Amino acid sequence: MLIANAITLTPGTVTIDYDGDTMKVVWINVDTDGPEEAAERIKGSFERVFLPVEPVSRSARNA
């Protein structure tokens, strides 16, 4: 849900449907005809920021 909200706050985009791990995004300033390329452009930077990070174990922190 956090990624959907962040996408909607990006100028020219709005997330209109969200179901589990699938989002339907309307993108106004499209400069590609390829749906895969468009999806990567929209989600790429958001996934790098919002995807969960593996927690560091206590033993690794104390090493």
N, C-alpha and C. Protein backbone atom coordinates (compact mmCIF):
# COMPACT_ATOMS: atom_id res chain seq x y z
N MET A 1 0.82 -1.19 0.00
CA MET A 1 0.00 0.00 0.00
C MET A 1 0.87 1.26 0.00
N LEU A 2 2.00 1.20 0.67
CA LEU A 2 2.90 2.35 0.72
C LEU A 2 3.41 2.71 -0.67
N ILE A 3 3.74 1.70 -1.47
CA ILE A 3 4.22 1.96 -2.83
C ILE A 3 3.10 2.57 -3.67
N ALA A 4 1.89 2.06 -3.54
CA ALA A 4 0.75 2.60 -4.30
C ALA A 4 0.54 4.08 -3.98
N ASN A 5 0.63 4.43 -2.70
CA ASN A 5 0.47 5.83 -2.32
C ASN A 5 1.61 6.69 -2.85
N ALA A 6 2.83 6.19 -2.80
CA ALA A 6 3.97 6.94 -3.32
C ALA A 6 3.85 7.16 -4.82
N ILE A 7 3.40 6.15 -5.54
CA ILE A 7 3.21 6.29 -6.99
C ILE A 7 2.16 7.36 -7.27
N THR A 8 1.07 7.35 -6.52
CA THR A 8 0.00 8.33 -6.72
C THR A 8 0.49 9.75 -6.44
N LEU A 9 1.46 9.90 -5.55
CA LEU A 9 2.01 11.23 -5.26
C LEU A 9 3.00 11.71 -6.32
N THR A 10 3.40 10.82 -7.23
CA THR A 10 4.31 11.17 -8.30
C THR A 10 3.53 11.90 -9.40
N PRO A 11 3.96 13.10 -9.81
CA PRO A 11 3.23 13.83 -10.85
C PRO A 11 3.01 13.00 -12.11
N GLY A 12 1.78 13.01 -12.61
CA GLY A 12 1.45 12.31 -13.84
C GLY A 12 1.03 10.86 -13.66
N THR A 13 0.97 10.36 -12.43
CA THR A 13 0.56 8.98 -12.19
C THR A 13 -0.52 8.92 -11.12
N VAL A 14 -1.33 7.88 -11.19
CA VAL A 14 -2.31 7.61 -10.15
C VAL A 14 -2.54 6.09 -10.10
N THR A 15 -2.53 5.54 -8.90
CA THR A 15 -2.82 4.12 -8.72
C THR A 15 -4.33 4.01 -8.56
N ILE A 16 -5.00 3.29 -9.49
CA ILE A 16 -6.46 3.23 -9.44
C ILE A 16 -6.99 1.91 -8.91
N ASP A 17 -6.13 0.90 -8.79
CA ASP A 17 -6.57 -0.38 -8.25
C ASP A 17 -5.37 -1.07 -7.61
N TYR A 18 -5.62 -1.74 -6.49
CA TYR A 18 -4.57 -2.44 -5.76
C TYR A 18 -5.15 -3.75 -5.26
N ASP A 19 -4.53 -4.86 -5.64
CA ASP A 19 -5.02 -6.18 -5.22
C ASP A 19 -3.82 -7.06 -4.90
N GLY A 20 -3.48 -7.16 -3.61
CA GLY A 20 -2.35 -7.98 -3.21
C GLY A 20 -1.05 -7.40 -3.70
N ASP A 21 -0.40 -8.08 -4.63
CA ASP A 21 0.88 -7.59 -5.16
C ASP A 21 0.75 -7.01 -6.56
N THR A 22 -0.49 -6.69 -6.99
CA THR A 22 -0.74 -6.14 -8.32
C THR A 22 -1.38 -4.77 -8.21
N MET A 23 -0.85 -3.81 -8.96
CA MET A 23 -1.41 -2.45 -8.98
C MET A 23 -1.73 -2.06 -10.41
N LYS A 24 -2.82 -1.32 -10.57
CA LYS A 24 -3.16 -0.75 -11.87
C LYS A 24 -2.88 0.75 -11.77
N VAL A 25 -1.92 1.21 -12.58
CA VAL A 25 -1.46 2.59 -12.53
C VAL A 25 -1.78 3.27 -13.85
N VAL A 26 -2.35 4.47 -13.76
CA VAL A 26 -2.55 5.30 -14.94
C VAL A 26 -1.40 6.30 -14.97
N TRP A 27 -0.69 6.34 -16.10
CA TRP A 27 0.48 7.19 -16.25
C TRP A 27 0.21 8.13 -17.41
N ILE A 28 0.15 9.42 -17.13
CA ILE A 28 -0.22 10.41 -18.14
C ILE A 28 0.92 10.74 -19.09
N ASN A 29 2.14 10.85 -18.60
CA ASN A 29 3.29 11.27 -19.42
C ASN A 29 4.06 10.07 -19.96
N VAL A 30 3.37 9.19 -20.65
CA VAL A 30 4.00 7.97 -21.16
C VAL A 30 4.88 8.30 -22.36
N ASP A 31 6.12 7.76 -22.33
CA ASP A 31 7.02 7.96 -23.47
C ASP A 31 7.54 6.63 -24.01
N THR A 32 6.78 5.55 -23.74
CA THR A 32 7.12 4.23 -24.27
C THR A 32 5.84 3.47 -24.57
N ASP A 33 5.91 2.59 -25.58
CA ASP A 33 4.76 1.74 -25.91
C ASP A 33 4.83 0.39 -25.22
N GLY A 34 5.97 0.07 -24.62
CA GLY A 34 6.16 -1.24 -23.99
C GLY A 34 5.65 -1.26 -22.56
N PRO A 35 4.65 -2.07 -22.25
CA PRO A 35 4.12 -2.11 -20.88
C PRO A 35 5.15 -2.53 -19.85
N GLU A 36 6.06 -3.44 -20.20
CA GLU A 36 7.08 -3.88 -19.25
C GLU A 36 8.05 -2.74 -18.94
N GLU A 37 8.46 -2.01 -19.97
CA GLU A 37 9.37 -0.88 -19.77
C GLU A 37 8.70 0.22 -18.94
N ALA A 38 7.43 0.50 -19.23
CA ALA A 38 6.70 1.50 -18.47
C ALA A 38 6.60 1.08 -17.01
N ALA A 39 6.29 -0.18 -16.76
CA ALA A 39 6.17 -0.68 -15.39
C ALA A 39 7.49 -0.54 -14.65
N GLU A 40 8.58 -0.86 -15.30
CA GLU A 40 9.89 -0.76 -14.66
C GLU A 40 10.24 0.69 -14.34
N ARG A 41 9.90 1.59 -15.23
CA ARG A 41 10.18 3.00 -14.99
C ARG A 41 9.40 3.52 -13.79
N ILE A 42 8.16 3.08 -13.66
CA ILE A 42 7.32 3.54 -12.55
C ILE A 42 7.74 2.89 -11.24
N LYS A 43 7.89 1.58 -11.24
CA LYS A 43 8.10 0.87 -9.98
C LYS A 43 9.55 0.73 -9.56
N GLY A 44 10.47 0.83 -10.49
CA GLY A 44 11.88 0.57 -10.20
C GLY A 44 12.42 1.29 -8.99
N SER A 45 12.34 2.61 -8.98
CA SER A 45 12.91 3.36 -7.87
C SER A 45 12.14 3.14 -6.58
N PHE A 46 10.83 2.95 -6.67
CA PHE A 46 10.03 2.73 -5.46
C PHE A 46 10.36 1.39 -4.81
N GLU A 47 10.52 0.35 -5.61
CA GLU A 47 10.81 -0.97 -5.05
C GLU A 47 12.16 -0.98 -4.34
N ARG A 48 13.13 -0.29 -4.89
CA ARG A 48 14.44 -0.25 -4.24
C ARG A 48 14.36 0.41 -2.87
N VAL A 49 13.49 1.39 -2.73
CA VAL A 49 13.36 2.10 -1.46
C VAL A 49 12.47 1.35 -0.48
N PHE A 50 11.37 0.77 -0.96
CA PHE A 50 10.36 0.24 -0.05
C PHE A 50 10.40 -1.26 0.19
N LEU A 51 11.15 -2.02 -0.60
CA LEU A 51 11.19 -3.47 -0.36
C LEU A 51 11.82 -3.75 0.99
N PRO A 52 11.32 -4.76 1.68
CA PRO A 52 11.85 -5.05 3.01
C PRO A 52 13.34 -5.42 2.97
N VAL A 53 14.00 -5.06 4.02
CA VAL A 53 15.42 -5.37 4.18
C VAL A 53 15.54 -6.46 5.22
N GLU A 54 16.44 -7.41 4.99
CA GLU A 54 16.65 -8.49 5.95
C GLU A 54 17.15 -7.90 7.27
N PRO A 55 16.53 -8.29 8.38
CA PRO A 55 17.01 -7.78 9.66
C PRO A 55 18.40 -8.33 9.98
N VAL A 56 19.19 -7.53 10.64
CA VAL A 56 20.52 -7.94 11.06
C VAL A 56 20.40 -8.63 12.40
N SER A 57 20.99 -9.80 12.52
CA SER A 57 20.93 -10.54 13.79
C SER A 57 21.77 -9.84 14.84
N ARG A 58 21.45 -10.09 16.11
CA ARG A 58 22.21 -9.48 17.20
C ARG A 58 23.69 -9.87 17.15
N SER A 59 23.97 -11.14 16.82
CA SER A 59 25.36 -11.58 16.77
C SER A 59 26.12 -10.86 15.67
N ALA A 60 25.48 -10.58 14.55
CA ALA A 60 26.15 -9.86 13.45
C ALA A 60 26.39 -8.41 13.83
N ARG A 61 25.45 -7.80 14.59
CA ARG A 61 25.62 -6.41 15.02
C ARG A 61 26.78 -6.27 15.99
N ASN A 62 26.98 -7.27 16.84
CA ASN A 62 28.02 -7.22 17.87
C ASN A 62 29.39 -7.65 17.37
N ALA A 63 29.45 -8.10 16.13
CA ALA A 63 30.73 -8.61 15.59
C ALA A 63 31.66 -7.50 15.21
